[in-house]
Amino acid sequence: MTVISGTFYAGHGTKLSEAESKAFPPGGFFIATAKTPHFAWSKEETVVQVHGVGPSGITYVDPADDPRKK
């Protein structure tokens, strides 16, 4: 993911942790590897470009959090 505008915060792990998050300013990028739990958030309106190779998908750590199943 490449940050286009705003500040994007992200980290690896199964629970969102502000302390474990890294801030990515415009032009910064975050690599979310397959099958590795990660989290992301922002404090302001933020635009990111998501790019990758091959099929992609989202698997929630807790399936109850998946809005597609509500």
PDB file of N, CA and C in Angstrom:
ATOM      1  N   MET A   1       0.841  -1.150   0.000  1.00  0.00           N
ATOM      2  CA  MET A   1       0.000   0.000   0.000  1.00  0.00           C
ATOM      3  C   MET A   1       0.894   1.223   0.000  1.00  0.00           C
ATOM      4  N   THR A   2       0.578   2.171  -0.857  1.00  0.00           N
ATOM      5  CA  THR A   2       1.313   3.429  -0.915  1.00  0.00           C
ATOM      6  C   THR A   2       0.404   4.553  -0.442  1.00  0.00           C
ATOM      7  N   VAL A   3       0.907   5.395   0.428  1.00  0.00           N
ATOM      8  CA  VAL A   3       0.110   6.505   0.952  1.00  0.00           C
ATOM      9  C   VAL A   3       0.125   7.649  -0.063  1.00  0.00           C
ATOM     10  N   ILE A   4      -1.064   8.049  -0.487  1.00  0.00           N
ATOM     11  CA  ILE A   4      -1.209   9.155  -1.427  1.00  0.00           C
ATOM     12  C   ILE A   4      -1.357  10.470  -0.665  1.00  0.00           C
ATOM     13  N   SER A   5      -2.208  10.475   0.361  1.00  0.00           N
ATOM     14  CA  SER A   5      -2.383  11.676   1.186  1.00  0.00           C
ATOM     15  C   SER A   5      -2.776  11.265   2.597  1.00  0.00           C
ATOM     16  N   GLY A   6      -2.518  12.152   3.550  1.00  0.00           N
ATOM     17  CA  GLY A   6      -2.810  11.843   4.941  1.00  0.00           C
ATOM     18  C   GLY A   6      -1.685  11.020   5.554  1.00  0.00           C
ATOM     19  N   THR A   7      -1.940  10.517   6.747  1.00  0.00           N
ATOM     20  CA  THR A   7      -0.983   9.641   7.425  1.00  0.00           C
ATOM     21  C   THR A   7      -1.666   8.318   7.705  1.00  0.00           C
ATOM     22  N   PHE A   8      -1.029   7.238   7.297  1.00  0.00           N
ATOM     23  CA  PHE A   8      -1.542   5.878   7.412  1.00  0.00           C
ATOM     24  C   PHE A   8      -0.732   5.182   8.496  1.00  0.00           C
ATOM     25  N   TYR A   9      -1.406   4.556   9.448  1.00  0.00           N
ATOM     26  CA  TYR A   9      -0.737   3.830  10.528  1.00  0.00           C
ATOM     27  C   TYR A   9      -0.990   2.342  10.324  1.00  0.00           C
ATOM     28  N   ALA A  10       0.032   1.531  10.492  1.00  0.00           N
ATOM     29  CA  ALA A  10      -0.130   0.091  10.292  1.00  0.00           C
ATOM     30  C   ALA A  10       0.899  -0.665  11.117  1.00  0.00           C
ATOM     31  N   GLY A  11       0.594  -1.930  11.338  1.00  0.00           N
ATOM     32  CA  GLY A  11       1.504  -2.801  12.061  1.00  0.00           C
ATOM     33  C   GLY A  11       1.103  -4.250  11.872  1.00  0.00           C
ATOM     34  N   HIS A  12       1.932  -5.143  12.361  1.00  0.00           N
ATOM     35  CA  HIS A  12       1.656  -6.576  12.260  1.00  0.00           C
ATOM     36  C   HIS A  12       1.198  -7.103  13.613  1.00  0.00           C
ATOM     37  N   GLY A  13       0.245  -8.020  13.592  1.00  0.00           N
ATOM     38  CA  GLY A  13      -0.274  -8.612  14.816  1.00  0.00           C
ATOM     39  C   GLY A  13      -1.765  -8.841  14.710  1.00  0.00           C
ATOM     40  N   THR A  14      -2.331  -9.528  15.689  1.00  0.00           N
ATOM     41  CA  THR A  14      -3.754  -9.870  15.656  1.00  0.00           C
ATOM     42  C   THR A  14      -4.642  -8.835  16.328  1.00  0.00           C
ATOM     43  N   LYS A  15      -4.050  -7.883  17.059  1.00  0.00           N
ATOM     44  CA  LYS A  15      -4.838  -6.838  17.726  1.00  0.00           C
ATOM     45  C   LYS A  15      -4.246  -5.476  17.394  1.00  0.00           C
ATOM     46  N   LEU A  16      -5.137  -4.513  17.117  1.00  0.00           N
ATOM     47  CA  LEU A  16      -4.683  -3.159  16.836  1.00  0.00           C
ATOM     48  C   LEU A  16      -3.949  -2.609  18.048  1.00  0.00           C
ATOM     49  N   SER A  17      -2.772  -2.080  17.819  1.00  0.00           N
ATOM     50  CA  SER A  17      -1.970  -1.497  18.892  1.00  0.00           C
ATOM     51  C   SER A  17      -1.379  -0.185  18.390  1.00  0.00           C
ATOM     52  N   GLU A  18      -1.832   0.930  18.989  1.00  0.00           N
ATOM     53  CA  GLU A  18      -1.261   2.220  18.597  1.00  0.00           C
ATOM     54  C   GLU A  18       0.235   2.248  18.889  1.00  0.00           C
ATOM     55  N   ALA A  19       0.645   1.652  19.999  1.00  0.00           N
ATOM     56  CA  ALA A  19       2.060   1.651  20.379  1.00  0.00           C
ATOM     57  C   ALA A  19       2.919   0.865  19.392  1.00  0.00           C
ATOM     58  N   GLU A  20       2.350  -0.168  18.780  1.00  0.00           N
ATOM     59  CA  GLU A  20       3.094  -1.008  17.838  1.00  0.00           C
ATOM     60  C   GLU A  20       2.919  -0.564  16.389  1.00  0.00           C
ATOM     61  N   SER A  21       2.176   0.518  16.177  1.00  0.00           N
ATOM     62  CA  SER A  21       1.930   1.017  14.826  1.00  0.00           C
ATOM     63  C   SER A  21       3.075   1.900  14.352  1.00  0.00           C
ATOM     64  N   LYS A  22       3.284   1.894  13.059  1.00  0.00           N
ATOM     65  CA  LYS A  22       4.250   2.786  12.438  1.00  0.00           C
ATOM     66  C   LYS A  22       3.471   3.770  11.581  1.00  0.00           C
ATOM     67  N   ALA A  23       3.859   5.042  11.604  1.00  0.00           N
ATOM     68  CA  ALA A  23       3.200   6.074  10.804  1.00  0.00           C
ATOM     69  C   ALA A  23       3.846   6.142   9.423  1.00  0.00           C
ATOM     70  N   PHE A  24       3.009   6.173   8.393  1.00  0.00           N
ATOM     71  CA  PHE A  24       3.472   6.275   7.018  1.00  0.00           C
ATOM     72  C   PHE A  24       2.928   7.570   6.416  1.00  0.00           C
ATOM     73  N   PRO A  25       3.796   8.539   6.101  1.00  0.00           N
ATOM     74  CA  PRO A  25       3.355   9.803   5.515  1.00  0.00           C
ATOM     75  C   PRO A  25       3.135   9.638   4.004  1.00  0.00           C
ATOM     76  N   PRO A  26       2.638  10.671   3.335  1.00  0.00           N
ATOM     77  CA  PRO A  26       2.484  10.575   1.880  1.00  0.00           C
ATOM     78  C   PRO A  26       3.794  10.131   1.216  1.00  0.00           C
ATOM     79  N   GLY A  27       3.690   9.169   0.313  1.00  0.00           N
ATOM     80  CA  GLY A  27       4.861   8.595  -0.344  1.00  0.00           C
ATOM     81  C   GLY A  27       5.382   7.360   0.369  1.00  0.00           C
ATOM     82  N   GLY A  28       4.965   7.142   1.610  1.00  0.00           N
ATOM     83  CA  GLY A  28       5.389   5.967   2.363  1.00  0.00           C
ATOM     84  C   GLY A  28       4.636   4.731   1.892  1.00  0.00           C
ATOM     85  N   PHE A  29       5.181   3.562   2.191  1.00  0.00           N
ATOM     86  CA  PHE A  29       4.500   2.330   1.787  1.00  0.00           C
ATOM     87  C   PHE A  29       4.593   1.268   2.864  1.00  0.00           C
ATOM     88  N   PHE A  30       3.588   0.396   2.887  1.00  0.00           N
ATOM     89  CA  PHE A  30       3.471  -0.693   3.855  1.00  0.00           C
ATOM     90  C   PHE A  30       3.267  -1.985   3.081  1.00  0.00           C
ATOM     91  N   ILE A  31       4.032  -3.006   3.400  1.00  0.00           N
ATOM     92  CA  ILE A  31       3.886  -4.308   2.749  1.00  0.00           C
ATOM     93  C   ILE A  31       3.127  -5.232   3.690  1.00  0.00           C
ATOM     94  N   ALA A  32       1.974  -5.690   3.236  1.00  0.00           N
ATOM     95  CA  ALA A  32       1.145  -6.625   3.999  1.00  0.00           C
ATOM     96  C   ALA A  32       1.307  -7.998   3.348  1.00  0.00           C
ATOM     97  N   THR A  33       2.134  -8.839   3.931  1.00  0.00           N
ATOM     98  CA  THR A  33       2.397 -10.145   3.341  1.00  0.00           C
ATOM     99  C   THR A  33       1.231 -11.105   3.562  1.00  0.00           C
ATOM    100  N   ALA A  34       1.073 -12.032   2.644  1.00  0.00           N
ATOM    101  CA  ALA A  34      -0.020 -13.004   2.701  1.00  0.00           C
ATOM    102  C   ALA A  34       0.044 -13.833   3.979  1.00  0.00           C
ATOM    103  N   LYS A  35      -1.126 -14.106   4.533  1.00  0.00           N
ATOM    104  CA  LYS A  35      -1.293 -14.972   5.698  1.00  0.00           C
ATOM    105  C   LYS A  35      -0.584 -14.449   6.954  1.00  0.00           C
ATOM    106  N   THR A  36      -0.290 -13.149   6.984  1.00  0.00           N
ATOM    107  CA  THR A  36       0.308 -12.518   8.151  1.00  0.00           C
ATOM    108  C   THR A  36      -0.680 -11.498   8.696  1.00  0.00           C
ATOM    109  N   PRO A  37      -1.192 -11.691   9.920  1.00  0.00           N
ATOM    110  CA  PRO A  37      -2.149 -10.724  10.470  1.00  0.00           C
ATOM    111  C   PRO A  37      -1.531  -9.326  10.566  1.00  0.00           C
ATOM    112  N   HIS A  38      -2.307  -8.343  10.174  1.00  0.00           N
ATOM    113  CA  HIS A  38      -1.866  -6.960  10.269  1.00  0.00           C
ATOM    114  C   HIS A  38      -3.078  -6.065  10.501  1.00  0.00           C
ATOM    115  N   PHE A  39      -2.829  -4.844  10.908  1.00  0.00           N
ATOM    116  CA  PHE A  39      -3.900  -3.883  11.163  1.00  0.00           C
ATOM    117  C   PHE A  39      -3.491  -2.541  10.573  1.00  0.00           C
ATOM    118  N   ALA A  40      -4.489  -1.701  10.315  1.00  0.00           N
ATOM    119  CA  ALA A  40      -4.229  -0.377   9.761  1.00  0.00           C
ATOM    120  C   ALA A  40      -5.315   0.580  10.214  1.00  0.00           C
ATOM    121  N   TRP A  41      -4.961   1.841  10.357  1.00  0.00           N
ATOM    122  CA  TRP A  41      -5.911   2.853  10.787  1.00  0.00           C
ATOM    123  C   TRP A  41      -5.371   4.235  10.439  1.00  0.00           C
ATOM    124  N   SER A  42      -6.201   5.262  10.624  1.00  0.00           N
ATOM    125  CA  SER A  42      -5.764   6.638  10.409  1.00  0.00           C
ATOM    126  C   SER A  42      -6.494   7.566  11.373  1.00  0.00           C
ATOM    127  N   LYS A  43      -5.926   8.727  11.596  1.00  0.00           N
ATOM    128  CA  LYS A  43      -6.536   9.738  12.459  1.00  0.00           C
ATOM    129  C   LYS A  43      -7.256  10.797  11.635  1.00  0.00           C
ATOM    130  N   GLU A  44      -7.027  10.801  10.340  1.00  0.00           N
ATOM    131  CA  GLU A  44      -7.570  11.812   9.444  1.00  0.00           C
ATOM    132  C   GLU A  44      -7.945  11.143   8.123  1.00  0.00           C
ATOM    133  N   GLU A  45      -8.587  11.893   7.249  1.00  0.00           N
ATOM    134  CA  GLU A  45      -8.881  11.337   5.929  1.00  0.00           C
ATOM    135  C   GLU A  45      -7.556  10.979   5.268  1.00  0.00           C
ATOM    136  N   THR A  46      -7.450   9.745   4.813  1.00  0.00           N
ATOM    137  CA  THR A  46      -6.213   9.235   4.239  1.00  0.00           C
ATOM    138  C   THR A  46      -6.537   8.434   2.990  1.00  0.00           C
ATOM    139  N   VAL A  47      -5.740   8.629   1.954  1.00  0.00           N
ATOM    140  CA  VAL A  47      -5.923   7.890   0.704  1.00  0.00           C
ATOM    141  C   VAL A  47      -4.707   7.000   0.510  1.00  0.00           C
ATOM    142  N   VAL A  48      -4.953   5.693   0.302  1.00  0.00           N
ATOM    143  CA  VAL A  48      -3.875   4.751   0.018  1.00  0.00           C
ATOM    144  C   VAL A  48      -4.167   4.041  -1.293  1.00  0.00           C
ATOM    145  N   GLN A  49      -3.115   3.669  -1.972  1.00  0.00           N
ATOM    146  CA  GLN A  49      -3.227   2.880  -3.199  1.00  0.00           C
ATOM    147  C   GLN A  49      -2.801   1.464  -2.856  1.00  0.00           C
ATOM    148  N   VAL A  50      -3.695   0.515  -3.099  1.00  0.00           N
ATOM    149  CA  VAL A  50      -3.397  -0.892  -2.823  1.00  0.00           C
ATOM    150  C   VAL A  50      -2.999  -1.546  -4.139  1.00  0.00           C
ATOM    151  N   HIS A  51      -1.860  -2.218  -4.136  1.00  0.00           N
ATOM    152  CA  HIS A  51      -1.405  -2.885  -5.350  1.00  0.00           C
ATOM    153  C   HIS A  51      -0.800  -4.226  -4.982  1.00  0.00           C
ATOM    154  N   GLY A  52      -0.889  -5.167  -5.902  1.00  0.00           N
ATOM    155  CA  GLY A  52      -0.368  -6.499  -5.643  1.00  0.00           C
ATOM    156  C   GLY A  52      -0.373  -7.342  -6.899  1.00  0.00           C
ATOM    157  N   VAL A  53       0.028  -8.581  -6.747  1.00  0.00           N
ATOM    158  CA  VAL A  53       0.090  -9.525  -7.854  1.00  0.00           C
ATOM    159  C   VAL A  53      -0.762 -10.734  -7.492  1.00  0.00           C
ATOM    160  N   GLY A  54      -1.598 -11.163  -8.422  1.00  0.00           N
ATOM    161  CA  GLY A  54      -2.402 -12.363  -8.209  1.00  0.00           C
ATOM    162  C   GLY A  54      -3.681 -12.090  -7.456  1.00  0.00           C
ATOM    163  N   PRO A  55      -4.412 -13.147  -7.160  1.00  0.00           N
ATOM    164  CA  PRO A  55      -5.668 -12.975  -6.432  1.00  0.00           C
ATOM    165  C   PRO A  55      -5.400 -12.445  -5.024  1.00  0.00           C
ATOM    166  N   SER A  56      -6.361 -11.693  -4.510  1.00  0.00           N
ATOM    167  CA  SER A  56      -6.226 -11.189  -3.150  1.00  0.00           C
ATOM    168  C   SER A  56      -7.540 -11.381  -2.413  1.00  0.00           C
ATOM    169  N   GLY A  57      -7.482 -11.283  -1.118  1.00  0.00           N
ATOM    170  CA  GLY A  57      -8.678 -11.436  -0.305  1.00  0.00           C
ATOM    171  C   GLY A  57      -8.417 -10.938   1.095  1.00  0.00           C
ATOM    172  N   ILE A  58      -9.475 -10.910   1.887  1.00  0.00           N
ATOM    173  CA  ILE A  58      -9.379 -10.489   3.282  1.00  0.00           C
ATOM    174  C   ILE A  58      -9.873 -11.632   4.154  1.00  0.00           C
ATOM    175  N   THR A  59      -9.064 -12.022   5.132  1.00  0.00           N
ATOM    176  CA  THR A  59      -9.452 -13.028   6.114  1.00  0.00           C
ATOM    177  C   THR A  59      -9.370 -12.361   7.481  1.00  0.00           C
ATOM    178  N   TYR A  60     -10.490 -12.270   8.166  1.00  0.00           N
ATOM    179  CA  TYR A  60     -10.520 -11.627   9.477  1.00  0.00           C
ATOM    180  C   TYR A  60     -10.002 -12.584  10.549  1.00  0.00           C
ATOM    181  N   VAL A  61      -9.213 -12.068  11.508  1.00  0.00           N
ATOM    182  CA  VAL A  61      -8.727 -12.871  12.629  1.00  0.00           C
ATOM    183  C   VAL A  61      -9.924 -13.434  13.379  1.00  0.00           C
ATOM    184  N   ASP A  62     -10.933 -12.594  13.627  1.00  0.00           N
ATOM    185  CA  ASP A  62     -12.183 -13.023  14.255  1.00  0.00           C
ATOM    186  C   ASP A  62     -13.270 -12.962  13.187  1.00  0.00           C
ATOM    187  N   PRO A  63     -13.740 -14.108  12.701  1.00  0.00           N
ATOM    188  CA  PRO A  63     -14.756 -14.109  11.642  1.00  0.00           C
ATOM    189  C   PRO A  63     -16.002 -13.288  11.978  1.00  0.00           C
ATOM    190  N   ALA A  64     -16.295 -13.080  13.255  1.00  0.00           N
ATOM    191  CA  ALA A  64     -17.457 -12.280  13.653  1.00  0.00           C
ATOM    192  C   ALA A  64     -17.293 -10.808  13.269  1.00  0.00           C
ATOM    193  N   ASP A  65     -16.065 -10.365  13.021  1.00  0.00           N
ATOM    194  CA  ASP A  65     -15.814  -8.978  12.621  1.00  0.00           C
ATOM    195  C   ASP A  65     -16.029  -8.741  11.128  1.00  0.00           C
ATOM    196  N   ASP A  66     -16.209  -9.794  10.365  1.00  0.00           N
ATOM    197  CA  ASP A  66     -16.343  -9.683   8.907  1.00  0.00           C
ATOM    198  C   ASP A  66     -17.706  -9.094   8.544  1.00  0.00           C
ATOM    199  N   PRO A  67     -17.748  -7.857   8.024  1.00  0.00           N
ATOM    200  CA  PRO A  67     -19.035  -7.231   7.700  1.00  0.00           C
ATOM    201  C   PRO A  67     -19.773  -7.926   6.555  1.00  0.00           C
ATOM    202  N   ARG A  68     -19.093  -8.737   5.775  1.00  0.00           N
ATOM    203  CA  ARG A  68     -19.751  -9.458   4.675  1.00  0.00           C
ATOM    204  C   ARG A  68     -20.678 -10.546   5.194  1.00  0.00           C
ATOM    205  N   LYS A  69     -20.515 -10.926   6.457  1.00  0.00           N
ATOM    206  CA  LYS A  69     -21.318 -12.009   7.034  1.00  0.00           C
ATOM    207  C   LYS A  69     -22.426 -11.492   7.935  1.00  0.00           C
ATOM    208  N   LYS A  70     -22.709 -10.188   7.879  1.00  0.00           N
ATOM    209  CA  LYS A  70     -23.745  -9.603   8.740  1.00  0.00           C
ATOM    210  C   LYS A  70     -24.980  -9.309   7.939  1.00  0.00           C
TER     211      LYS A  70
END
